[in-house]
Amino acid sequence: MTARPGVRPAPAWSFPVPTEHQLPNGLRLLLVDLPGQHVLSLRVVLPLPVSQESPGTEGATLLMAQALDEGTAQHTNEELVELTERNGIAWGAGAGERGVHLSLEVTARGLGPALDLLTECLSSPVFPTVEVARLLRNRLVDIAHDEADPGARASLEFIRTYFDERDRAHLPLGGTRETVASTTPDRLRERHDQLSADGGTVILVGDLSTTASPVSAVATTLGAWQGAGRRSGPPGPARRAADACRVVLVARPGLAQTELHLGRPGPDRRTPHGWGTYQALAMLLGGSPHARIDRVLREERGYTYGVRAGFRPRSVGGLTVVGGSVRADATTPALAELLGILQTPGSALTDREVREAADFVAMTAPGRYDTADAVADELVSLVSDGLPLDTVTRTLEQLGVLDASRVAAAWDEVRSGPGWTVVLVGDPAHAQGLADLGVGPVTVVE
């Protein structure tokens, strides 16, 4: 009988290392050659923090980025759509705490036209009145949807409650009904005029073997764009509201489930504990059906299909977040159980669960970064935060030697800090006794 072969440990894996180039206009170019990835992922990251939006214009940065391909001095919206489709280009645009990010997915054959169109959209957008009006209508529909959806509504109420009302983080990234409704093409032009190549980064990831001189192709297109603005400084820290430690109930009579959203201060990716420590923590606390939270709330109590926990880094500091839906009739006992689990001392975290969580995060990394777009998006995150390009690899190395004592110290630091902000969206009839949980005062929002 043939003996069963042994299972050897997986070989060490490293995040792809880009080659770096400097473009004529000061843009940084990062190239990652991934053989076999025939759809190339192109990203442009430009520093333009939303915190620099003037009061009353919130959402203008995102809308400006989305409107760049709605018409230029050379081509109408319809013509741009035709050129995009003819060359197989998928366009995306967004904005965040740190700035604007533009994305294109295209095959190697269409890279030249894609670079030409992207440069044109950056250089000479006209923000047509009709197209801007359509984008504003779409954004208002999105706002209405977010306010109707319990999960999105909980997230909106959380940032309103958690962040100081004087800070930009207090309002949604895409603005409010009032600020969006008052947006004009001129406002988008003003925001566009603040874009600059200085401090920006271009990222190109995919199989570059069939692309003739990608450095030259980018240098003669995006490398020739300057922008009218000046380099924007990094965003400052977002302040926590003085009364953030409390419970807010958004009343939705008749809901069969109650949406829970909890948050408190957390780390950024520069934490001295190491970012891998918090990735493992998120996994063992609320990263899977076998994690501590679901073992109780789902398997033992039957309160939920799943509640997740995680850490959201910002430029400075971050958030510890926990969220999910529970049975409406179990709202208060489920929240009480959840708060009890989240008060677990670090010393109670076992070596086994720490090692299993760390191994899962580390061993699934090659799969998470198996495509060009995933690698490109991670590089966007790294350069936006000003982090070294080997941060992912160093994080995985840390996970390999992570022990329970280090995770315990990191978790104790979180749970001993400022208390939870708790937001619930659900039926008030099933939310009695919230004031007795010891979180803080309870406010009901109709």
Protein backbone atom coordinates (compact mmCIF):
# COMPACT_ATOMS: atom_id res chain seq x y z
CA MET A 1 0.00 0.00 0.00
CA THR A 2 1.39 3.36 -1.04
CA ALA A 3 1.96 5.74 1.85
CA ARG A 4 0.03 8.96 1.79
CA PRO A 5 2.35 11.85 0.87
CA GLY A 6 3.02 14.43 3.52
CA VAL A 7 1.70 17.95 3.29
CA ARG A 8 4.46 20.49 3.20
CA PRO A 9 4.04 24.14 4.25
CA ALA A 10 3.20 26.51 1.43
CA PRO A 11 6.23 28.42 0.14
CA ALA A 12 6.65 32.01 1.22
CA TRP A 13 4.81 34.49 -1.01
CA SER A 14 5.64 38.13 -1.58
CA PHE A 15 3.53 40.96 -2.92
CA PRO A 16 4.64 41.96 -6.43
CA VAL A 17 7.39 44.58 -6.40
CA PRO A 18 6.81 47.43 -8.88
CA THR A 19 9.50 49.08 -10.92
CA GLU A 20 9.51 52.84 -10.37
CA HIS A 21 9.95 55.64 -12.87
CA GLN A 22 9.65 59.42 -12.75
CA LEU A 23 7.54 61.06 -15.44
CA PRO A 24 8.37 64.48 -16.95
CA ASN A 25 5.58 66.26 -15.05
CA GLY A 26 6.55 64.81 -11.66
CA LEU A 27 4.09 61.93 -11.62
CA ARG A 28 5.46 58.72 -10.15
CA LEU A 29 4.99 55.66 -12.35
CA LEU A 30 4.76 52.15 -10.89
CA LEU A 31 4.82 49.18 -13.26
CA VAL A 32 4.02 45.59 -12.26
CA ASP A 33 4.44 42.87 -14.87
CA LEU A 34 2.06 39.97 -14.19
CA PRO A 35 2.41 37.38 -16.95
CA GLY A 36 -0.94 35.97 -18.02
CA GLN A 37 -2.96 38.96 -16.82
CA HIS A 38 -3.99 40.17 -20.26
CA VAL A 39 -6.44 42.80 -19.01
CA LEU A 40 -4.26 45.66 -17.79
CA SER A 41 -5.26 47.73 -14.78
CA LEU A 42 -4.33 51.41 -14.96
CA ARG A 43 -4.74 53.70 -11.95
CA VAL A 44 -4.10 57.40 -11.47
CA VAL A 45 -3.96 58.68 -7.89
CA LEU A 46 -4.02 62.46 -7.37
CA PRO A 47 -3.88 64.12 -3.93
CA LEU A 48 -7.02 66.19 -3.41
CA PRO A 49 -8.43 65.45 0.08
CA VAL A 50 -12.18 65.84 0.48
CA SER A 51 -11.45 67.62 3.76
CA GLN A 52 -10.43 70.61 1.62
CA GLU A 53 -13.93 70.99 0.18
CA SER A 54 -15.50 74.29 1.19
CA PRO A 55 -18.48 74.00 3.58
CA GLY A 56 -21.64 73.54 1.55
CA THR A 57 -19.82 71.94 -1.40
CA GLU A 58 -19.38 68.46 0.09
CA GLY A 59 -19.50 65.81 -2.63
CA ALA A 60 -17.97 68.06 -5.31
CA THR A 61 -14.72 66.08 -5.40
CA LEU A 62 -16.45 62.77 -6.13
CA LEU A 63 -18.85 64.31 -8.64
CA MET A 64 -15.99 66.08 -10.42
CA ALA A 65 -14.07 62.81 -10.77
CA GLN A 66 -17.16 61.03 -12.10
CA ALA A 67 -17.85 63.81 -14.61
CA LEU A 68 -14.38 63.87 -16.19
CA ASP A 69 -15.44 61.53 -19.01
CA GLU A 70 -18.78 63.24 -19.69
CA GLY A 71 -17.34 65.47 -22.41
CA THR A 72 -14.12 67.26 -23.30
CA ALA A 73 -13.10 70.13 -25.54
CA GLN A 74 -12.31 67.56 -28.24
CA HIS A 75 -15.16 65.06 -27.88
CA THR A 76 -18.79 65.04 -26.79
CA ASN A 77 -20.11 62.58 -24.26
CA GLU A 78 -21.49 60.36 -27.03
CA GLU A 79 -18.18 60.38 -28.86
CA LEU A 80 -16.26 59.47 -25.71
CA VAL A 81 -18.64 56.58 -25.08
CA GLU A 82 -18.11 55.31 -28.62
CA LEU A 83 -14.32 55.56 -28.34
CA THR A 84 -14.38 53.82 -24.97
CA GLU A 85 -16.48 50.94 -26.24
CA ARG A 86 -14.56 50.62 -29.51
CA ASN A 87 -11.29 50.17 -27.60
CA GLY A 88 -12.69 47.90 -24.89
CA ILE A 89 -12.04 50.35 -22.07
CA ALA A 90 -13.79 50.06 -18.69
CA TRP A 91 -13.64 53.43 -16.90
CA GLY A 92 -13.99 54.11 -13.20
CA ALA A 93 -13.59 57.18 -11.04
CA GLY A 94 -13.84 57.92 -7.36
CA ALA A 95 -12.61 59.99 -4.47
CA GLY A 96 -11.68 59.38 -0.87
CA GLU A 97 -10.23 60.86 2.26
CA ARG A 98 -6.87 61.34 0.56
CA GLY A 99 -7.74 62.28 -3.02
CA VAL A 100 -9.05 61.35 -6.45
CA HIS A 101 -8.48 57.98 -8.07
CA LEU A 102 -9.19 57.15 -11.70
CA SER A 103 -9.14 53.61 -13.07
CA LEU A 104 -9.11 51.97 -16.48
CA GLU A 105 -9.26 48.29 -17.40
CA VAL A 106 -8.06 47.61 -20.95
CA THR A 107 -6.21 45.03 -23.03
CA ALA A 108 -2.67 45.75 -24.18
CA ARG A 109 -3.94 46.55 -27.68
CA GLY A 110 -6.13 49.35 -26.34
CA LEU A 111 -3.61 50.84 -23.90
CA GLY A 112 -2.49 53.63 -26.24
CA PRO A 113 -6.04 54.91 -26.94
CA ALA A 114 -6.89 54.52 -23.24
CA LEU A 115 -3.95 56.69 -22.20
CA ASP A 116 -4.90 59.29 -24.82
CA LEU A 117 -8.51 59.44 -23.61
CA LEU A 118 -7.55 59.56 -19.94
CA THR A 119 -5.10 62.39 -20.55
CA GLU A 120 -7.73 64.26 -22.57
CA CYS A 121 -10.31 63.86 -19.80
CA LEU A 122 -7.86 65.20 -17.25
CA SER A 123 -6.68 68.06 -19.44
CA SER A 124 -9.84 69.48 -20.98
CA PRO A 125 -13.11 68.33 -19.39
CA VAL A 126 -16.01 70.71 -20.05
CA PHE A 127 -18.56 69.40 -17.51
CA PRO A 128 -21.60 69.74 -19.81
CA THR A 129 -24.68 71.09 -18.04
CA VAL A 130 -26.95 68.27 -19.24
CA GLU A 131 -24.54 65.51 -18.24
CA VAL A 132 -23.77 67.07 -14.86
CA ALA A 133 -27.51 67.35 -14.19
CA ARG A 134 -27.88 63.62 -14.94
CA LEU A 135 -25.04 62.76 -12.55
CA LEU A 136 -26.65 64.89 -9.84
CA ARG A 137 -29.98 63.10 -10.31
CA ASN A 138 -28.23 59.75 -10.07
CA ARG A 139 -26.42 60.82 -6.92
CA LEU A 140 -29.67 61.98 -5.31
CA VAL A 141 -31.21 58.60 -6.14
CA ASP A 142 -28.20 56.89 -4.50
CA ILE A 143 -28.69 59.03 -1.39
CA ALA A 144 -32.36 58.07 -1.22
CA HIS A 145 -31.43 54.40 -1.59
CA ASP A 146 -28.82 54.63 1.18
CA GLU A 147 -31.33 56.25 3.50
CA ALA A 148 -33.87 53.48 2.78
CA ASP A 149 -31.48 50.53 3.14
CA PRO A 150 -31.03 49.60 6.83
CA GLY A 151 -27.34 48.75 6.52
CA ALA A 152 -26.42 51.90 4.61
CA ARG A 153 -28.64 53.99 6.90
CA ALA A 154 -26.79 52.65 9.93
CA SER A 155 -23.44 53.61 8.38
CA LEU A 156 -24.71 57.13 7.63
CA GLU A 157 -25.99 57.62 11.14
CA PHE A 158 -22.77 56.27 12.55
CA ILE A 159 -20.52 58.87 10.90
CA ARG A 160 -22.96 61.62 11.91
CA THR A 161 -22.78 60.43 15.50
CA TYR A 162 -19.12 59.41 15.76
CA PHE A 163 -17.28 62.27 14.04
CA ASP A 164 -17.16 65.87 15.21
CA GLU A 165 -19.63 67.92 13.18
CA ARG A 166 -16.85 70.42 12.38
CA ASP A 167 -14.92 67.78 10.41
CA ARG A 168 -15.55 66.60 6.84
CA ALA A 169 -15.73 62.98 8.00
CA HIS A 170 -19.03 63.85 9.68
CA LEU A 171 -20.73 63.96 6.24
CA PRO A 172 -20.94 61.29 3.51
CA LEU A 173 -18.15 61.21 0.95
CA GLY A 174 -20.64 61.90 -1.84
CA GLY A 175 -22.29 64.79 -0.06
CA THR A 176 -25.80 65.33 1.27
CA ARG A 177 -29.08 66.05 -0.48
CA GLU A 178 -28.55 69.76 0.06
CA THR A 179 -24.95 69.97 -1.11
CA VAL A 180 -25.53 67.74 -4.14
CA ALA A 181 -28.69 69.59 -5.19
CA SER A 182 -26.78 72.90 -5.13
CA THR A 183 -23.84 71.61 -7.18
CA THR A 184 -23.22 73.31 -10.53
CA PRO A 185 -20.85 72.68 -13.46
CA ASP A 186 -18.88 75.75 -12.35
CA ARG A 187 -18.34 74.20 -8.94
CA LEU A 188 -16.96 71.05 -10.57
CA ARG A 189 -14.68 73.14 -12.78
CA GLU A 190 -13.36 74.93 -9.70
CA ARG A 191 -12.61 71.61 -8.03
CA HIS A 192 -10.94 70.30 -11.18
CA ASP A 193 -8.73 73.40 -11.29
CA GLN A 194 -7.24 72.27 -7.97
CA LEU A 195 -5.89 69.02 -9.44
CA SER A 196 -2.15 68.78 -9.92
CA ALA A 197 0.29 66.20 -11.20
CA ASP A 198 2.61 67.07 -8.32
CA GLY A 199 2.47 64.27 -5.76
CA GLY A 200 0.40 62.00 -8.00
CA THR A 201 1.05 58.40 -9.02
CA VAL A 202 0.28 56.32 -12.10
CA ILE A 203 0.04 52.56 -11.63
CA LEU A 204 0.00 50.03 -14.47
CA VAL A 205 -0.39 46.33 -13.66
CA GLY A 206 -0.78 43.32 -15.95
CA ASP A 207 1.03 41.35 -18.61
CA LEU A 208 3.32 44.00 -20.06
CA SER A 209 5.23 41.65 -22.36
CA THR A 210 3.08 42.61 -25.36
CA THR A 211 3.14 46.34 -24.56
CA ALA A 212 5.80 48.23 -26.46
CA SER A 213 7.63 50.59 -24.11
CA PRO A 214 4.96 51.22 -21.46
CA VAL A 215 7.14 53.87 -19.80
CA SER A 216 7.31 55.87 -23.01
CA ALA A 217 3.59 55.42 -23.66
CA VAL A 218 2.68 56.82 -20.24
CA ALA A 219 5.34 59.55 -20.35
CA THR A 220 4.07 61.02 -23.63
CA THR A 221 0.45 61.09 -22.45
CA LEU A 222 -0.17 61.35 -18.72
CA GLY A 223 3.41 62.49 -18.25
CA ALA A 224 2.67 65.61 -20.30
CA TRP A 225 -0.33 66.69 -18.19
CA GLN A 226 0.33 69.28 -15.51
CA GLY A 227 -2.93 70.37 -13.92
CA ALA A 228 -3.69 73.90 -12.82
CA GLY A 229 -3.60 73.35 -9.08
CA ARG A 230 -0.94 73.04 -6.45
CA ARG A 231 0.03 69.92 -4.58
CA SER A 232 -2.46 69.26 -1.78
CA GLY A 233 -1.20 68.48 1.69
CA PRO A 234 -2.24 65.29 3.49
CA PRO A 235 -5.58 65.26 5.32
CA GLY A 236 -5.49 65.89 9.04
CA PRO A 237 -6.94 63.58 11.69
CA ALA A 238 -10.70 63.35 11.96
CA ARG A 239 -11.88 64.25 15.45
CA ARG A 240 -14.28 62.13 17.45
CA ALA A 241 -17.42 63.85 18.70
CA ALA A 242 -17.45 64.72 22.39
CA ASP A 243 -20.73 62.82 22.85
CA ALA A 244 -19.88 59.88 20.57
CA CYS A 245 -20.14 57.32 23.37
CA ARG A 246 -23.88 56.70 23.15
CA VAL A 247 -26.65 54.69 21.50
CA VAL A 248 -28.69 55.97 18.55
CA LEU A 249 -31.80 54.11 17.44
CA VAL A 250 -33.13 54.91 13.96
CA ALA A 251 -36.79 53.94 14.23
CA ARG A 252 -38.08 51.63 11.49
CA PRO A 253 -41.32 50.09 12.77
CA GLY A 254 -42.02 46.67 11.35
CA LEU A 255 -38.49 45.64 10.39
CA ALA A 256 -37.97 41.91 10.88
CA GLN A 257 -34.28 42.45 11.63
CA THR A 258 -32.34 45.13 13.46
CA GLU A 259 -29.18 46.45 11.87
CA LEU A 260 -26.32 46.96 14.34
CA HIS A 261 -23.31 49.20 13.71
CA LEU A 262 -20.72 49.69 16.45
CA GLY A 263 -17.51 51.67 16.31
CA ARG A 264 -14.72 53.02 18.47
CA PRO A 265 -11.16 54.28 17.85
CA GLY A 266 -8.78 51.89 16.11
CA PRO A 267 -5.33 51.90 14.50
CA ASP A 268 -3.96 53.07 11.18
CA ARG A 269 -1.54 50.93 9.18
CA ARG A 270 1.46 52.49 10.91
CA THR A 271 0.48 51.04 14.28
CA PRO A 272 3.47 49.91 16.39
CA HIS A 273 1.63 46.64 17.00
CA GLY A 274 1.88 45.87 13.28
CA TRP A 275 -1.04 45.88 10.87
CA GLY A 276 -0.96 42.09 10.65
CA THR A 277 -1.87 41.93 14.33
CA TYR A 278 -5.16 43.67 13.66
CA GLN A 279 -5.89 41.60 10.57
CA ALA A 280 -5.61 38.49 12.72
CA LEU A 281 -7.71 40.12 15.44
CA ALA A 282 -10.46 40.94 12.97
CA MET A 283 -10.50 37.35 11.76
CA LEU A 284 -10.65 35.72 15.20
CA LEU A 285 -13.25 38.15 16.56
CA GLY A 286 -15.63 38.45 13.66
CA GLY A 287 -14.11 37.34 10.38
CA SER A 288 -15.93 34.06 9.81
CA PRO A 289 -18.78 31.87 11.13
CA HIS A 290 -16.19 30.21 13.39
CA ALA A 291 -15.06 33.48 14.97
CA ARG A 292 -15.87 34.41 18.56
CA ILE A 293 -18.86 36.63 17.75
CA ASP A 294 -20.68 34.19 15.48
CA ARG A 295 -19.93 31.20 17.70
CA VAL A 296 -22.19 32.82 20.25
CA LEU A 297 -24.65 35.01 18.37
CA ARG A 298 -25.20 32.66 15.43
CA GLU A 299 -24.41 29.11 16.52
CA GLU A 300 -25.40 29.17 20.21
CA ARG A 301 -28.15 31.81 20.30
CA GLY A 302 -29.53 31.85 16.76
CA TYR A 303 -29.77 35.66 16.79
CA THR A 304 -28.13 36.33 13.43
CA TYR A 305 -26.89 35.01 10.11
CA GLY A 306 -23.61 36.76 10.78
CA VAL A 307 -21.98 39.75 12.48
CA ARG A 308 -18.56 40.91 11.30
CA ALA A 309 -15.74 42.84 12.96
CA GLY A 310 -12.84 44.69 11.42
CA PHE A 311 -10.50 47.66 11.47
CA ARG A 312 -10.68 50.58 9.05
CA PRO A 313 -7.47 52.59 8.87
CA ARG A 314 -7.51 56.28 8.02
CA SER A 315 -4.59 58.56 7.20
CA VAL A 316 -4.22 59.17 10.93
CA GLY A 317 -5.81 56.69 13.32
CA GLY A 318 -8.76 54.58 12.33
CA LEU A 319 -11.90 52.78 13.42
CA THR A 320 -12.77 49.51 15.08
CA VAL A 321 -16.09 48.48 13.54
CA VAL A 322 -18.59 45.72 14.18
CA GLY A 323 -21.80 45.28 12.23
CA GLY A 324 -24.56 42.98 11.07
CA SER A 325 -28.25 42.17 11.36
CA VAL A 326 -29.99 40.36 14.23
CA ARG A 327 -33.55 39.14 14.78
CA ALA A 328 -35.72 42.08 15.73
CA ASP A 329 -37.15 40.30 18.78
CA ALA A 330 -33.59 39.65 20.02
CA THR A 331 -32.26 43.18 19.57
CA THR A 332 -31.39 43.99 23.17
CA PRO A 333 -30.12 40.54 24.27
CA ALA A 334 -28.08 40.24 21.07
CA LEU A 335 -26.46 43.64 21.64
CA ALA A 336 -25.79 42.74 25.28
CA GLU A 337 -24.09 39.48 24.24
CA LEU A 338 -22.09 41.29 21.57
CA LEU A 339 -20.85 43.93 23.99
CA GLY A 340 -19.84 41.19 26.40
CA ILE A 341 -17.80 39.40 23.72
CA LEU A 342 -16.14 42.67 22.76
CA GLN A 343 -15.06 43.16 26.35
CA THR A 344 -13.11 39.88 26.31
CA PRO A 345 -9.66 40.59 27.82
CA GLY A 346 -6.63 40.00 25.66
CA SER A 347 -5.40 37.33 28.04
CA ALA A 348 -8.42 35.18 27.06
CA LEU A 349 -7.33 34.97 23.42
CA THR A 350 -5.75 31.58 22.89
CA ASP A 351 -2.60 30.65 21.02
CA ARG A 352 -4.58 28.33 18.78
CA GLU A 353 -7.14 30.87 17.61
CA VAL A 354 -4.45 33.49 17.05
CA ARG A 355 -2.37 31.08 14.97
CA GLU A 356 -5.39 29.89 12.95
CA ALA A 357 -6.48 33.46 12.24
CA ALA A 358 -2.98 34.60 11.29
CA ASP A 359 -2.45 31.58 9.02
CA PHE A 360 -5.75 32.15 7.25
CA VAL A 361 -4.96 35.78 6.49
CA ALA A 362 -1.42 34.97 5.35
CA MET A 363 -2.18 31.84 3.33
CA THR A 364 -5.11 33.36 1.44
CA ALA A 365 -3.11 36.45 0.41
CA PRO A 366 -1.93 34.95 -2.91
CA GLY A 367 -5.56 34.37 -3.86
CA ARG A 368 -6.64 37.85 -2.82
CA TYR A 369 -3.93 39.39 -5.01
CA ASP A 370 -4.28 36.99 -7.92
CA THR A 371 -5.54 39.56 -10.43
CA ALA A 372 -4.11 42.76 -11.86
CA ASP A 373 -6.92 44.91 -10.50
CA ALA A 374 -6.44 43.61 -6.95
CA VAL A 375 -2.71 44.39 -7.06
CA ALA A 376 -3.36 47.82 -8.57
CA ASP A 377 -5.97 48.69 -5.94
CA GLU A 378 -3.64 47.67 -3.12
CA LEU A 379 -0.92 49.87 -4.57
CA VAL A 380 -3.42 52.75 -4.68
CA SER A 381 -4.01 52.24 -0.96
CA LEU A 382 -0.29 52.13 -0.19
CA VAL A 383 0.72 55.22 -2.15
CA SER A 384 -2.28 57.19 -0.88
CA ASP A 385 -1.18 56.47 2.67
CA GLY A 386 2.47 57.14 1.91
CA LEU A 387 3.41 53.60 2.93
CA PRO A 388 6.39 51.61 1.63
CA LEU A 389 5.61 49.39 -1.35
CA ASP A 390 6.73 46.28 0.55
CA THR A 391 4.15 46.86 3.33
CA VAL A 392 2.02 43.86 2.32
CA THR A 393 5.02 41.52 2.29
CA ARG A 394 6.22 42.77 5.67
CA THR A 395 2.71 42.36 7.07
CA LEU A 396 2.61 38.74 5.90
CA GLU A 397 6.01 38.11 7.49
CA GLN A 398 4.72 39.50 10.76
CA LEU A 399 1.70 37.20 10.60
CA GLY A 400 4.04 34.23 10.31
CA VAL A 401 5.58 34.89 13.74
CA LEU A 402 2.58 36.49 15.46
CA ASP A 403 1.88 35.25 18.98
CA ALA A 404 -1.03 35.60 21.36
CA SER A 405 0.75 38.04 23.68
CA ARG A 406 1.14 40.62 20.93
CA VAL A 407 -2.48 40.26 19.81
CA ALA A 408 -3.61 40.51 23.44
CA ALA A 409 -1.76 43.79 23.94
CA ALA A 410 -3.22 45.25 20.75
CA TRP A 411 -6.78 44.23 21.66
CA ASP A 412 -6.49 45.50 25.23
CA GLU A 413 -5.39 48.87 23.86
CA VAL A 414 -8.54 49.06 21.74
CA ARG A 415 -11.04 47.90 24.33
CA SER A 416 -9.62 50.11 27.08
CA GLY A 417 -9.90 53.24 24.92
CA PRO A 418 -12.95 55.50 24.38
CA GLY A 419 -16.22 53.58 24.45
CA TRP A 420 -18.50 52.35 21.70
CA THR A 421 -20.73 54.40 19.47
CA VAL A 422 -23.74 52.15 18.84
CA VAL A 423 -26.24 52.70 16.04
CA LEU A 424 -29.29 50.52 15.53
CA VAL A 425 -31.84 50.64 12.72
CA GLY A 426 -34.96 48.75 13.67
CA ASP A 427 -38.33 48.54 15.35
CA PRO A 428 -38.40 50.47 18.66
CA ALA A 429 -40.89 47.94 20.03
CA HIS A 430 -38.04 45.38 20.15
CA ALA A 431 -35.40 47.75 21.49
CA GLN A 432 -36.38 48.15 25.12
CA GLY A 433 -33.69 48.19 27.78
CA LEU A 434 -30.93 49.76 25.67
CA ALA A 435 -30.22 52.33 28.38
CA ASP A 436 -29.44 49.51 30.83
CA LEU A 437 -26.52 48.18 28.76
CA GLY A 438 -24.14 50.83 30.06
CA VAL A 439 -23.01 52.23 26.70
CA GLY A 440 -24.35 55.72 27.23
CA PRO A 441 -27.47 57.80 26.67
CA VAL A 442 -30.01 56.61 24.12
CA THR A 443 -31.33 58.82 21.35
CA VAL A 444 -34.20 57.85 19.03
CA VAL A 445 -34.19 59.22 15.47
CA GLU A 446 -37.54 59.04 13.70
